[in-house]
Amino acid sequence: MIQVFLFLMIGLIAGWLATNFVEGRGYGGIGDVVIGTVGAFIGKFIFDLVGLTFRGFWGNVFVSVVGAVLFLHIVNFLTGDRTVSS
């Protein structure tokens, strides 16, 4: 049960950070968890491809944020949202 809680917390933190990096606004708690969770899978896949491993809570958050930022850029590209935050 604690693993599920930690997974959701990592997803929430990563989603919130990614939406602030990419768009400057969040999607609410549930949206941020979804974005962070998808980002975790994308980030893990990419970092496994290049042979890098990050351990611990903050390592997982880092990997998830990187994946979530990539995910949001892909979504923005596919939906035609070309806004770039400065």
PDB file of N, CA and C in Angstrom:
ATOM      1  N   MET A   1       0.816  -1.197   0.000  1.00  0.00           N
ATOM      2  CA  MET A   1       0.000   0.000   0.000  1.00  0.00           C
ATOM      3  C   MET A   1       0.860   1.261   0.000  1.00  0.00           C
ATOM      4  N   ILE A   2       1.981   1.233   0.693  1.00  0.00           N
ATOM      5  CA  ILE A   2       2.859   2.400   0.737  1.00  0.00           C
ATOM      6  C   ILE A   2       3.477   2.675  -0.636  1.00  0.00           C
ATOM      7  N   GLN A   3       3.693   1.605  -1.431  1.00  0.00           N
ATOM      8  CA  GLN A   3       4.253   1.790  -2.767  1.00  0.00           C
ATOM      9  C   GLN A   3       3.276   2.552  -3.667  1.00  0.00           C
ATOM     10  N   VAL A   4       2.005   2.260  -3.534  1.00  0.00           N
ATOM     11  CA  VAL A   4       0.989   2.967  -4.315  1.00  0.00           C
ATOM     12  C   VAL A   4       0.969   4.442  -3.924  1.00  0.00           C
ATOM     13  N   PHE A   5       1.033   4.712  -2.633  1.00  0.00           N
ATOM     14  CA  PHE A   5       1.053   6.094  -2.158  1.00  0.00           C
ATOM     15  C   PHE A   5       2.277   6.827  -2.689  1.00  0.00           C
ATOM     16  N   LEU A   6       3.455   6.208  -2.616  1.00  0.00           N
ATOM     17  CA  LEU A   6       4.676   6.835  -3.114  1.00  0.00           C
ATOM     18  C   LEU A   6       4.607   7.050  -4.623  1.00  0.00           C
ATOM     19  N   PHE A   7       4.064   6.072  -5.347  1.00  0.00           N
ATOM     20  CA  PHE A   7       3.918   6.199  -6.792  1.00  0.00           C
ATOM     21  C   PHE A   7       3.032   7.398  -7.136  1.00  0.00           C
ATOM     22  N   LEU A   8       1.931   7.556  -6.411  1.00  0.00           N
ATOM     23  CA  LEU A   8       1.028   8.686  -6.653  1.00  0.00           C
ATOM     24  C   LEU A   8       1.683  10.017  -6.270  1.00  0.00           C
ATOM     25  N   MET A   9       2.450  10.015  -5.188  1.00  0.00           N
ATOM     26  CA  MET A   9       3.150  11.246  -4.775  1.00  0.00           C
ATOM     27  C   MET A   9       4.199  11.650  -5.811  1.00  0.00           C
ATOM     28  N   ILE A  10       4.943  10.676  -6.316  1.00  0.00           N
ATOM     29  CA  ILE A  10       5.938  10.970  -7.354  1.00  0.00           C
ATOM     30  C   ILE A  10       5.235  11.501  -8.599  1.00  0.00           C
ATOM     31  N   GLY A  11       4.125  10.871  -8.974  1.00  0.00           N
ATOM     32  CA  GLY A  11       3.366  11.344 -10.126  1.00  0.00           C
ATOM     33  C   GLY A  11       2.846  12.751  -9.939  1.00  0.00           C
ATOM     34  N   LEU A  12       2.350  13.064  -8.754  1.00  0.00           N
ATOM     35  CA  LEU A  12       1.837  14.410  -8.473  1.00  0.00           C
ATOM     36  C   LEU A  12       2.948  15.447  -8.544  1.00  0.00           C
ATOM     37  N   ILE A  13       4.055  15.176  -7.900  1.00  0.00           N
ATOM     38  CA  ILE A  13       5.187  16.124  -7.912  1.00  0.00           C
ATOM     39  C   ILE A  13       5.725  16.302  -9.323  1.00  0.00           C
ATOM     40  N   ALA A  14       5.947  15.190 -10.015  1.00  0.00           N
ATOM     41  CA  ALA A  14       6.500  15.256 -11.371  1.00  0.00           C
ATOM     42  C   ALA A  14       5.544  15.955 -12.323  1.00  0.00           C
ATOM     43  N   GLY A  15       4.263  15.651 -12.243  1.00  0.00           N
ATOM     44  CA  GLY A  15       3.286  16.299 -13.110  1.00  0.00           C
ATOM     45  C   GLY A  15       3.189  17.782 -12.858  1.00  0.00           C
ATOM     46  N   TRP A  16       3.192  18.166 -11.593  1.00  0.00           N
ATOM     47  CA  TRP A  16       3.120  19.586 -11.248  1.00  0.00           C
ATOM     48  C   TRP A  16       4.351  20.332 -11.753  1.00  0.00           C
ATOM     49  N   LEU A  17       5.541  19.760 -11.524  1.00  0.00           N
ATOM     50  CA  LEU A  17       6.776  20.397 -11.997  1.00  0.00           C
ATOM     51  C   LEU A  17       6.797  20.490 -13.521  1.00  0.00           C
ATOM     52  N   ALA A  18       6.427  19.416 -14.195  1.00  0.00           N
ATOM     53  CA  ALA A  18       6.458  19.400 -15.658  1.00  0.00           C
ATOM     54  C   ALA A  18       5.501  20.428 -16.246  1.00  0.00           C
ATOM     55  N   THR A  19       4.292  20.522 -15.704  1.00  0.00           N
ATOM     56  CA  THR A  19       3.349  21.497 -16.240  1.00  0.00           C
ATOM     57  C   THR A  19       3.823  22.920 -15.993  1.00  0.00           C
ATOM     58  N   ASN A  20       4.536  23.146 -14.915  1.00  0.00           N
ATOM     59  CA  ASN A  20       5.094  24.478 -14.668  1.00  0.00           C
ATOM     60  C   ASN A  20       6.257  24.772 -15.600  1.00  0.00           C
ATOM     61  N   PHE A  21       7.044  23.768 -15.945  1.00  0.00           N
ATOM     62  CA  PHE A  21       8.156  23.969 -16.879  1.00  0.00           C
ATOM     63  C   PHE A  21       7.650  24.214 -18.295  1.00  0.00           C
ATOM     64  N   VAL A  22       6.634  23.481 -18.707  1.00  0.00           N
ATOM     65  CA  VAL A  22       6.189  23.516 -20.092  1.00  0.00           C
ATOM     66  C   VAL A  22       5.146  24.595 -20.331  1.00  0.00           C
ATOM     67  N   GLU A  23       4.140  24.683 -19.496  1.00  0.00           N
ATOM     68  CA  GLU A  23       3.023  25.583 -19.776  1.00  0.00           C
ATOM     69  C   GLU A  23       2.840  26.692 -18.750  1.00  0.00           C
ATOM     70  N   GLY A  24       3.427  26.544 -17.587  1.00  0.00           N
ATOM     71  CA  GLY A  24       3.261  27.553 -16.574  1.00  0.00           C
ATOM     72  C   GLY A  24       1.982  27.440 -15.771  1.00  0.00           C
ATOM     73  N   ARG A  25       1.230  26.352 -15.955  1.00  0.00           N
ATOM     74  CA  ARG A  25       0.013  26.137 -15.167  1.00  0.00           C
ATOM     75  C   ARG A  25      -0.185  24.638 -14.990  1.00  0.00           C
ATOM     76  N   GLY A  26      -0.929  24.273 -13.963  1.00  0.00           N
ATOM     77  CA  GLY A  26      -1.177  22.867 -13.701  1.00  0.00           C
ATOM     78  C   GLY A  26      -2.507  22.416 -14.255  1.00  0.00           C
ATOM     79  N   TYR A  27      -2.746  21.130 -14.182  1.00  0.00           N
ATOM     80  CA  TYR A  27      -4.005  20.545 -14.629  1.00  0.00           C
ATOM     81  C   TYR A  27      -4.833  20.066 -13.447  1.00  0.00           C
ATOM     82  N   GLY A  28      -4.517  20.500 -12.259  1.00  0.00           N
ATOM     83  CA  GLY A  28      -5.188  20.019 -11.068  1.00  0.00           C
ATOM     84  C   GLY A  28      -4.501  18.763 -10.560  1.00  0.00           C
ATOM     85  N   GLY A  29      -4.878  18.334  -9.394  1.00  0.00           N
ATOM     86  CA  GLY A  29      -4.221  17.189  -8.762  1.00  0.00           C
ATOM     87  C   GLY A  29      -4.283  15.915  -9.572  1.00  0.00           C
ATOM     88  N   ILE A  30      -5.468  15.572 -10.045  1.00  0.00           N
ATOM     89  CA  ILE A  30      -5.633  14.325 -10.808  1.00  0.00           C
ATOM     90  C   ILE A  30      -4.888  14.414 -12.136  1.00  0.00           C
ATOM     91  N   GLY A  31      -5.010  15.529 -12.821  1.00  0.00           N
ATOM     92  CA  GLY A  31      -4.307  15.709 -14.100  1.00  0.00           C
ATOM     93  C   GLY A  31      -2.807  15.635 -13.940  1.00  0.00           C
ATOM     94  N   ASP A  32      -2.290  16.259 -12.876  1.00  0.00           N
ATOM     95  CA  ASP A  32      -0.851  16.217 -12.629  1.00  0.00           C
ATOM     96  C   ASP A  32      -0.377  14.804 -12.319  1.00  0.00           C
ATOM     97  N   VAL A  33      -1.178  14.046 -11.585  1.00  0.00           N
ATOM     98  CA  VAL A  33      -0.822  12.653 -11.295  1.00  0.00           C
ATOM     99  C   VAL A  33      -0.767  11.847 -12.584  1.00  0.00           C
ATOM    100  N   VAL A  34      -1.747  12.045 -13.458  1.00  0.00           N
ATOM    101  CA  VAL A  34      -1.765  11.316 -14.734  1.00  0.00           C
ATOM    102  C   VAL A  34      -0.563  11.697 -15.585  1.00  0.00           C
ATOM    103  N   ILE A  35      -0.277  12.976 -15.696  1.00  0.00           N
ATOM    104  CA  ILE A  35       0.866  13.441 -16.478  1.00  0.00           C
ATOM    105  C   ILE A  35       2.169  12.900 -15.897  1.00  0.00           C
ATOM    106  N   GLY A  36       2.307  12.965 -14.584  1.00  0.00           N
ATOM    107  CA  GLY A  36       3.511  12.451 -13.929  1.00  0.00           C
ATOM    108  C   GLY A  36       3.656  10.948 -14.070  1.00  0.00           C
ATOM    109  N   THR A  37       2.543  10.221 -14.031  1.00  0.00           N
ATOM    110  CA  THR A  37       2.584   8.768 -14.169  1.00  0.00           C
ATOM    111  C   THR A  37       2.990   8.367 -15.584  1.00  0.00           C
ATOM    112  N   VAL A  38       2.385   8.999 -16.576  1.00  0.00           N
ATOM    113  CA  VAL A  38       2.788   8.730 -17.959  1.00  0.00           C
ATOM    114  C   VAL A  38       4.246   9.124 -18.146  1.00  0.00           C
ATOM    115  N   GLY A  39       4.633  10.245 -17.565  1.00  0.00           N
ATOM    116  CA  GLY A  39       6.023  10.689 -17.638  1.00  0.00           C
ATOM    117  C   GLY A  39       6.983   9.712 -17.004  1.00  0.00           C
ATOM    118  N   ALA A  40       6.568   9.054 -15.940  1.00  0.00           N
ATOM    119  CA  ALA A  40       7.424   8.063 -15.290  1.00  0.00           C
ATOM    120  C   ALA A  40       7.734   6.915 -16.241  1.00  0.00           C
ATOM    121  N   PHE A  41       6.728   6.450 -16.955  1.00  0.00           N
ATOM    122  CA  PHE A  41       6.945   5.359 -17.910  1.00  0.00           C
ATOM    123  C   PHE A  41       7.826   5.807 -19.077  1.00  0.00           C
ATOM    124  N   ILE A  42       7.576   7.001 -19.591  1.00  0.00           N
ATOM    125  CA  ILE A  42       8.377   7.522 -20.698  1.00  0.00           C
ATOM    126  C   ILE A  42       9.820   7.745 -20.244  1.00  0.00           C
ATOM    127  N   GLY A  43       9.979   8.389 -19.084  1.00  0.00           N
ATOM    128  CA  GLY A  43      11.317   8.658 -18.569  1.00  0.00           C
ATOM    129  C   GLY A  43      12.102   7.382 -18.300  1.00  0.00           C
ATOM    130  N   LYS A  44      11.460   6.399 -17.694  1.00  0.00           N
ATOM    131  CA  LYS A  44      12.120   5.118 -17.409  1.00  0.00           C
ATOM    132  C   LYS A  44      12.565   4.456 -18.700  1.00  0.00           C
ATOM    133  N   PHE A  45      11.705   4.464 -19.713  1.00  0.00           N
ATOM    134  CA  PHE A  45      12.037   3.871 -21.000  1.00  0.00           C
ATOM    135  C   PHE A  45      13.257   4.561 -21.624  1.00  0.00           C
ATOM    136  N   ILE A  46      13.253   5.891 -21.628  1.00  0.00           N
ATOM    137  CA  ILE A  46      14.349   6.648 -22.242  1.00  0.00           C
ATOM    138  C   ILE A  46      15.655   6.448 -21.480  1.00  0.00           C
ATOM    139  N   PHE A  47      15.602   6.539 -20.156  1.00  0.00           N
ATOM    140  CA  PHE A  47      16.827   6.384 -19.379  1.00  0.00           C
ATOM    141  C   PHE A  47      17.359   4.957 -19.446  1.00  0.00           C
ATOM    142  N   ASP A  48      16.482   3.969 -19.582  1.00  0.00           N
ATOM    143  CA  ASP A  48      16.936   2.590 -19.784  1.00  0.00           C
ATOM    144  C   ASP A  48      17.613   2.437 -21.134  1.00  0.00           C
ATOM    145  N   LEU A  49      17.103   3.117 -22.155  1.00  0.00           N
ATOM    146  CA  LEU A  49      17.712   3.048 -23.483  1.00  0.00           C
ATOM    147  C   LEU A  49      19.148   3.552 -23.487  1.00  0.00           C
ATOM    148  N   VAL A  50      19.410   4.624 -22.743  1.00  0.00           N
ATOM    149  CA  VAL A  50      20.764   5.190 -22.721  1.00  0.00           C
ATOM    150  C   VAL A  50      21.622   4.599 -21.612  1.00  0.00           C
ATOM    151  N   GLY A  51      21.045   3.730 -20.806  1.00  0.00           N
ATOM    152  CA  GLY A  51      21.815   3.029 -19.777  1.00  0.00           C
ATOM    153  C   GLY A  51      22.040   3.791 -18.483  1.00  0.00           C
ATOM    154  N   LEU A  52      21.200   4.777 -18.193  1.00  0.00           N
ATOM    155  CA  LEU A  52      21.318   5.540 -16.951  1.00  0.00           C
ATOM    156  C   LEU A  52      20.281   5.058 -15.942  1.00  0.00           C
ATOM    157  N   THR A  53      20.689   5.012 -14.676  1.00  0.00           N
ATOM    158  CA  THR A  53      19.791   4.580 -13.614  1.00  0.00           C
ATOM    159  C   THR A  53      19.840   5.594 -12.479  1.00  0.00           C
ATOM    160  N   PHE A  54      18.681   5.979 -12.003  1.00  0.00           N
ATOM    161  CA  PHE A  54      18.568   6.866 -10.854  1.00  0.00           C
ATOM    162  C   PHE A  54      17.807   6.125  -9.767  1.00  0.00           C
ATOM    163  N   ARG A  55      18.291   6.188  -8.565  1.00  0.00           N
ATOM    164  CA  ARG A  55      17.696   5.454  -7.448  1.00  0.00           C
ATOM    165  C   ARG A  55      17.085   6.419  -6.442  1.00  0.00           C
ATOM    166  N   GLY A  56      16.184   5.913  -5.656  1.00  0.00           N
ATOM    167  CA  GLY A  56      15.589   6.670  -4.566  1.00  0.00           C
ATOM    168  C   GLY A  56      14.417   7.514  -5.016  1.00  0.00           C
ATOM    169  N   PHE A  57      13.814   8.145  -4.045  1.00  0.00           N
ATOM    170  CA  PHE A  57      12.627   8.960  -4.283  1.00  0.00           C
ATOM    171  C   PHE A  57      12.911  10.091  -5.258  1.00  0.00           C
ATOM    172  N   TRP A  58      13.959  10.880  -4.988  1.00  0.00           N
ATOM    173  CA  TRP A  58      14.249  12.045  -5.827  1.00  0.00           C
ATOM    174  C   TRP A  58      14.777  11.645  -7.191  1.00  0.00           C
ATOM    175  N   GLY A  59      15.448  10.499  -7.284  1.00  0.00           N
ATOM    176  CA  GLY A  59      15.845   9.984  -8.587  1.00  0.00           C
ATOM    177  C   GLY A  59      14.648   9.638  -9.436  1.00  0.00           C
ATOM    178  N   ASN A  60      13.643   9.013  -8.810  1.00  0.00           N
ATOM    179  CA  ASN A  60      12.408   8.694  -9.517  1.00  0.00           C
ATOM    180  C   ASN A  60      11.642   9.949  -9.917  1.00  0.00           C
ATOM    181  N   VAL A  61      11.661  10.952  -9.063  1.00  0.00           N
ATOM    182  CA  VAL A  61      11.002  12.214  -9.403  1.00  0.00           C
ATOM    183  C   VAL A  61      11.693  12.843 -10.613  1.00  0.00           C
ATOM    184  N   PHE A  62      13.019  12.848 -10.622  1.00  0.00           N
ATOM    185  CA  PHE A  62      13.770  13.421 -11.741  1.00  0.00           C
ATOM    186  C   PHE A  62      13.426  12.727 -13.058  1.00  0.00           C
ATOM    187  N   VAL A  63      13.481  11.401 -13.058  1.00  0.00           N
ATOM    188  CA  VAL A  63      13.161  10.627 -14.259  1.00  0.00           C
ATOM    189  C   VAL A  63      11.730  10.903 -14.698  1.00  0.00           C
ATOM    190  N   SER A  64      10.810  10.977 -13.763  1.00  0.00           N
ATOM    191  CA  SER A  64       9.405  11.235 -14.078  1.00  0.00           C
ATOM    192  C   SER A  64       9.196  12.632 -14.647  1.00  0.00           C
ATOM    193  N   VAL A  65       9.893  13.615 -14.105  1.00  0.00           N
ATOM    194  CA  VAL A  65       9.768  14.985 -14.607  1.00  0.00           C
ATOM    195  C   VAL A  65      10.280  15.070 -16.040  1.00  0.00           C
ATOM    196  N   VAL A  66      11.424  14.466 -16.305  1.00  0.00           N
ATOM    197  CA  VAL A  66      11.971  14.478 -17.667  1.00  0.00           C
ATOM    198  C   VAL A  66      10.972  13.836 -18.632  1.00  0.00           C
ATOM    199  N   GLY A  67      10.448  12.688 -18.259  1.00  0.00           N
ATOM    200  CA  GLY A  67       9.466  12.013 -19.104  1.00  0.00           C
ATOM    201  C   GLY A  67       8.191  12.812 -19.266  1.00  0.00           C
ATOM    202  N   ALA A  68       7.724  13.453 -18.195  1.00  0.00           N
ATOM    203  CA  ALA A  68       6.492  14.236 -18.260  1.00  0.00           C
ATOM    204  C   ALA A  68       6.662  15.478 -19.129  1.00  0.00           C
ATOM    205  N   VAL A  69       7.824  16.107 -19.061  1.00  0.00           N
ATOM    206  CA  VAL A  69       8.084  17.265 -19.920  1.00  0.00           C
ATOM    207  C   VAL A  69       8.061  16.834 -21.383  1.00  0.00           C
ATOM    208  N   LEU A  70       8.711  15.719 -21.691  1.00  0.00           N
ATOM    209  CA  LEU A  70       8.673  15.203 -23.062  1.00  0.00           C
ATOM    210  C   LEU A  70       7.245  14.870 -23.487  1.00  0.00           C
ATOM    211  N   PHE A  71       6.492  14.243 -22.582  1.00  0.00           N
ATOM    212  CA  PHE A  71       5.097  13.900 -22.866  1.00  0.00           C
ATOM    213  C   PHE A  71       4.275  15.149 -23.173  1.00  0.00           C
ATOM    214  N   LEU A  72       4.430  16.198 -22.375  1.00  0.00           N
ATOM    215  CA  LEU A  72       3.662  17.428 -22.607  1.00  0.00           C
ATOM    216  C   LEU A  72       4.060  18.098 -23.913  1.00  0.00           C
ATOM    217  N   HIS A  73       5.342  18.056 -24.268  1.00  0.00           N
ATOM    218  CA  HIS A  73       5.763  18.621 -25.553  1.00  0.00           C
ATOM    219  C   HIS A  73       5.151  17.844 -26.713  1.00  0.00           C
ATOM    220  N   ILE A  74       5.098  16.528 -26.596  1.00  0.00           N
ATOM    221  CA  ILE A  74       4.489  15.704 -27.645  1.00  0.00           C
ATOM    222  C   ILE A  74       2.999  16.006 -27.749  1.00  0.00           C
ATOM    223  N   VAL A  75       2.313  16.086 -26.612  1.00  0.00           N
ATOM    224  CA  VAL A  75       0.879  16.398 -26.621  1.00  0.00           C
ATOM    225  C   VAL A  75       0.634  17.774 -27.225  1.00  0.00           C
ATOM    226  N   ASN A  76       1.441  18.755 -26.833  1.00  0.00           N
ATOM    227  CA  ASN A  76       1.278  20.107 -27.383  1.00  0.00           C
ATOM    228  C   ASN A  76       1.519  20.132 -28.885  1.00  0.00           C
ATOM    229  N   PHE A  77       2.504  19.367 -29.352  1.00  0.00           N
ATOM    230  CA  PHE A  77       2.774  19.305 -30.785  1.00  0.00           C
ATOM    231  C   PHE A  77       1.609  18.673 -31.539  1.00  0.00           C
ATOM    232  N   LEU A  78       1.075  17.580 -30.995  1.00  0.00           N
ATOM    233  CA  LEU A  78      -0.011  16.866 -31.666  1.00  0.00           C
ATOM    234  C   LEU A  78      -1.334  17.634 -31.643  1.00  0.00           C
ATOM    235  N   THR A  79      -1.549  18.426 -30.610  1.00  0.00           N
ATOM    236  CA  THR A  79      -2.799  19.186 -30.515  1.00  0.00           C
ATOM    237  C   THR A  79      -2.700  20.575 -31.138  1.00  0.00           C
ATOM    238  N   GLY A  80      -1.517  20.941 -31.579  1.00  0.00           N
ATOM    239  CA  GLY A  80      -1.361  22.229 -32.243  1.00  0.00           C
ATOM    240  C   GLY A  80      -1.106  23.380 -31.307  1.00  0.00           C
ATOM    241  N   ASP A  81      -0.915  23.117 -30.020  1.00  0.00           N
ATOM    242  CA  ASP A  81      -0.616  24.198 -29.066  1.00  0.00           C
ATOM    243  C   ASP A  81       0.864  24.521 -29.152  1.00  0.00           C
ATOM    244  N   ARG A  82       1.194  25.633 -29.753  1.00  0.00           N
ATOM    245  CA  ARG A  82       2.593  25.999 -29.992  1.00  0.00           C
ATOM    246  C   ARG A  82       3.107  27.050 -29.007  1.00  0.00           C
ATOM    247  N   THR A  83       2.392  27.263 -27.910  1.00  0.00           N
ATOM    248  CA  THR A  83       2.839  28.260 -26.930  1.00  0.00           C
ATOM    249  C   THR A  83       4.083  27.761 -26.228  1.00  0.00           C
ATOM    250  N   VAL A  84       5.014  28.668 -26.023  1.00  0.00           N
ATOM    251  CA  VAL A  84       6.260  28.337 -25.340  1.00  0.00           C
ATOM    252  C   VAL A  84       6.395  29.266 -24.152  1.00  0.00           C
ATOM    253  N   SER A  85       6.586  28.700 -22.972  1.00  0.00           N
ATOM    254  CA  SER A  85       6.766  29.541 -21.791  1.00  0.00           C
ATOM    255  C   SER A  85       8.203  30.012 -21.738  1.00  0.00           C
ATOM    256  N   SER A  86       8.406  31.228 -21.236  1.00  0.00           N
ATOM    257  CA  SER A  86       9.755  31.765 -21.154  1.00  0.00           C
ATOM    258  C   SER A  86      10.263  31.787 -19.748  1.00  0.00           C
TER     259      SER A  86
END
